[in-house]
Amino acid sequence: MKKICLTLTVALLSSSVATTALASLPGYNSSYWYKTRTMHVKKSVTAYQINPQNWKTHAKKRLNIGTKIKVYNSANLSWTLKSSKLKNTSGYVWVVKGHYNTKWLKK
């Protein structure tokens, strides 16, 4: 009986460790995103090159699955991106609009 109880306890502890290791990324409002992080796109999204003063779109580009990006969450621009796939233009920044979660990102 003690052997079964011990086996059951070890199984429960190992399953809780496994679920902790598979934890998702920090939430959208987490301070984790205040620093630029290198990530990969998990779901295809559209990036917009905008003028931050008036939010008018200058260009847009589809980011496919697996694209390597540098991303941070700024207070007024939401998800702000940098990537070799996104051409920089003076006075404009690349953002992802309408994704208020981290389900489209992976490490």
Protein backbone atom coordinates (compact mmCIF):
# COMPACT_ATOMS: atom_id res chain seq x y z
CA MET A 1 0.00 0.00 0.00
CA LYS A 2 2.85 2.41 0.84
CA LYS A 3 4.49 1.64 -2.51
CA ILE A 4 1.32 2.56 -4.43
CA CYS A 5 0.93 5.76 -2.41
CA LEU A 6 4.56 6.70 -3.02
CA THR A 7 4.23 5.98 -6.75
CA LEU A 8 1.07 8.07 -6.94
CA THR A 9 2.75 10.97 -5.12
CA VAL A 10 5.77 10.89 -7.42
CA ALA A 11 3.47 10.80 -10.48
CA LEU A 12 1.50 13.82 -9.28
CA LEU A 13 4.65 15.81 -8.52
CA SER A 14 6.20 15.04 -11.91
CA SER A 15 3.02 16.02 -13.74
CA SER A 16 2.89 19.38 -11.93
CA VAL A 17 6.55 20.03 -12.86
CA ALA A 18 5.79 19.18 -16.51
CA THR A 19 2.86 21.61 -16.67
CA THR A 20 4.97 24.36 -15.09
CA ALA A 21 7.69 23.86 -17.71
CA LEU A 22 5.12 24.24 -20.49
CA ALA A 23 3.80 27.54 -19.14
CA SER A 24 2.95 30.17 -21.72
CA LEU A 25 4.63 33.53 -22.18
CA PRO A 26 3.91 36.38 -19.74
CA GLY A 27 0.70 38.29 -20.38
CA TYR A 28 0.24 41.31 -22.61
CA ASN A 29 0.39 43.79 -19.70
CA SER A 30 3.43 42.21 -18.03
CA SER A 31 6.55 44.29 -17.40
CA TYR A 32 8.47 41.45 -19.13
CA TRP A 33 7.61 43.10 -22.47
CA TYR A 34 9.07 46.53 -21.56
CA LYS A 35 12.45 45.18 -22.69
CA THR A 36 13.01 44.09 -26.31
CA ARG A 37 12.71 40.30 -26.64
CA THR A 38 13.72 38.07 -29.56
CA MET A 39 10.77 35.86 -30.49
CA HIS A 40 9.33 33.91 -33.43
CA VAL A 41 5.90 34.31 -34.99
CA LYS A 42 3.63 31.37 -34.09
CA LYS A 43 0.58 32.53 -36.08
CA SER A 44 0.71 34.72 -39.18
CA VAL A 45 0.07 38.38 -38.40
CA THR A 46 0.11 41.65 -40.30
CA ALA A 47 2.65 44.28 -39.29
CA TYR A 48 1.88 47.90 -40.06
CA GLN A 49 4.41 50.68 -40.53
CA ILE A 50 2.76 53.68 -38.93
CA ASN A 51 3.44 57.30 -38.14
CA PRO A 52 3.31 57.32 -34.31
CA GLN A 53 1.98 60.87 -34.20
CA ASN A 54 -1.28 60.16 -36.03
CA TRP A 55 -1.39 56.33 -36.46
CA LYS A 56 -1.70 56.60 -40.27
CA THR A 57 -0.47 53.46 -42.03
CA HIS A 58 2.49 53.94 -44.37
CA ALA A 59 3.03 50.26 -45.30
CA LYS A 60 2.00 46.79 -44.22
CA LYS A 61 3.60 43.38 -44.44
CA ARG A 62 2.48 39.85 -43.56
CA LEU A 63 4.75 38.06 -41.08
CA ASN A 64 4.63 34.32 -41.71
CA ILE A 65 5.01 31.53 -39.19
CA GLY A 66 8.58 31.18 -37.93
CA THR A 67 9.69 34.74 -38.75
CA LYS A 68 12.29 35.93 -36.22
CA ILE A 69 11.41 39.31 -34.74
CA LYS A 70 12.39 41.59 -31.88
CA VAL A 71 9.32 42.77 -30.03
CA TYR A 72 8.40 44.94 -27.06
CA ASN A 73 5.16 46.32 -25.73
CA SER A 74 5.19 50.09 -25.40
CA ALA A 75 2.45 51.89 -23.50
CA ASN A 76 1.15 53.93 -26.42
CA LEU A 77 2.05 51.81 -29.49
CA SER A 78 1.18 48.27 -28.33
CA TRP A 79 3.42 45.60 -29.92
CA THR A 80 6.41 47.35 -31.53
CA LEU A 81 8.58 45.27 -33.90
CA LYS A 82 12.06 45.16 -35.38
CA SER A 83 13.20 42.61 -37.94
CA SER A 84 15.46 42.18 -40.93
CA LYS A 85 12.25 41.48 -42.89
CA LEU A 86 10.86 44.94 -42.09
CA LYS A 87 12.43 47.90 -43.88
CA ASN A 88 12.87 50.94 -41.64
CA THR A 89 11.79 54.37 -42.83
CA SER A 90 12.64 57.52 -40.90
CA GLY A 91 9.81 58.67 -38.63
CA TYR A 92 7.83 55.42 -38.84
CA VAL A 93 7.66 52.35 -36.61
CA TRP A 94 6.42 48.79 -37.21
CA VAL A 95 3.56 47.61 -34.98
CA VAL A 96 1.08 44.75 -34.75
CA LYS A 97 -2.44 46.05 -34.20
CA GLY A 98 -5.30 44.27 -32.46
CA HIS A 99 -3.39 41.44 -30.77
CA TYR A 100 -3.78 42.04 -27.05
CA ASN A 101 -2.31 38.68 -26.05
CA THR A 102 0.82 36.61 -26.66
CA LYS A 103 -0.80 33.69 -28.52
CA TRP A 104 0.88 34.70 -31.80
CA LEU A 105 4.41 34.57 -30.28
CA LYS A 106 6.81 31.80 -29.28
CA LYS A 107 10.42 31.78 -28.08
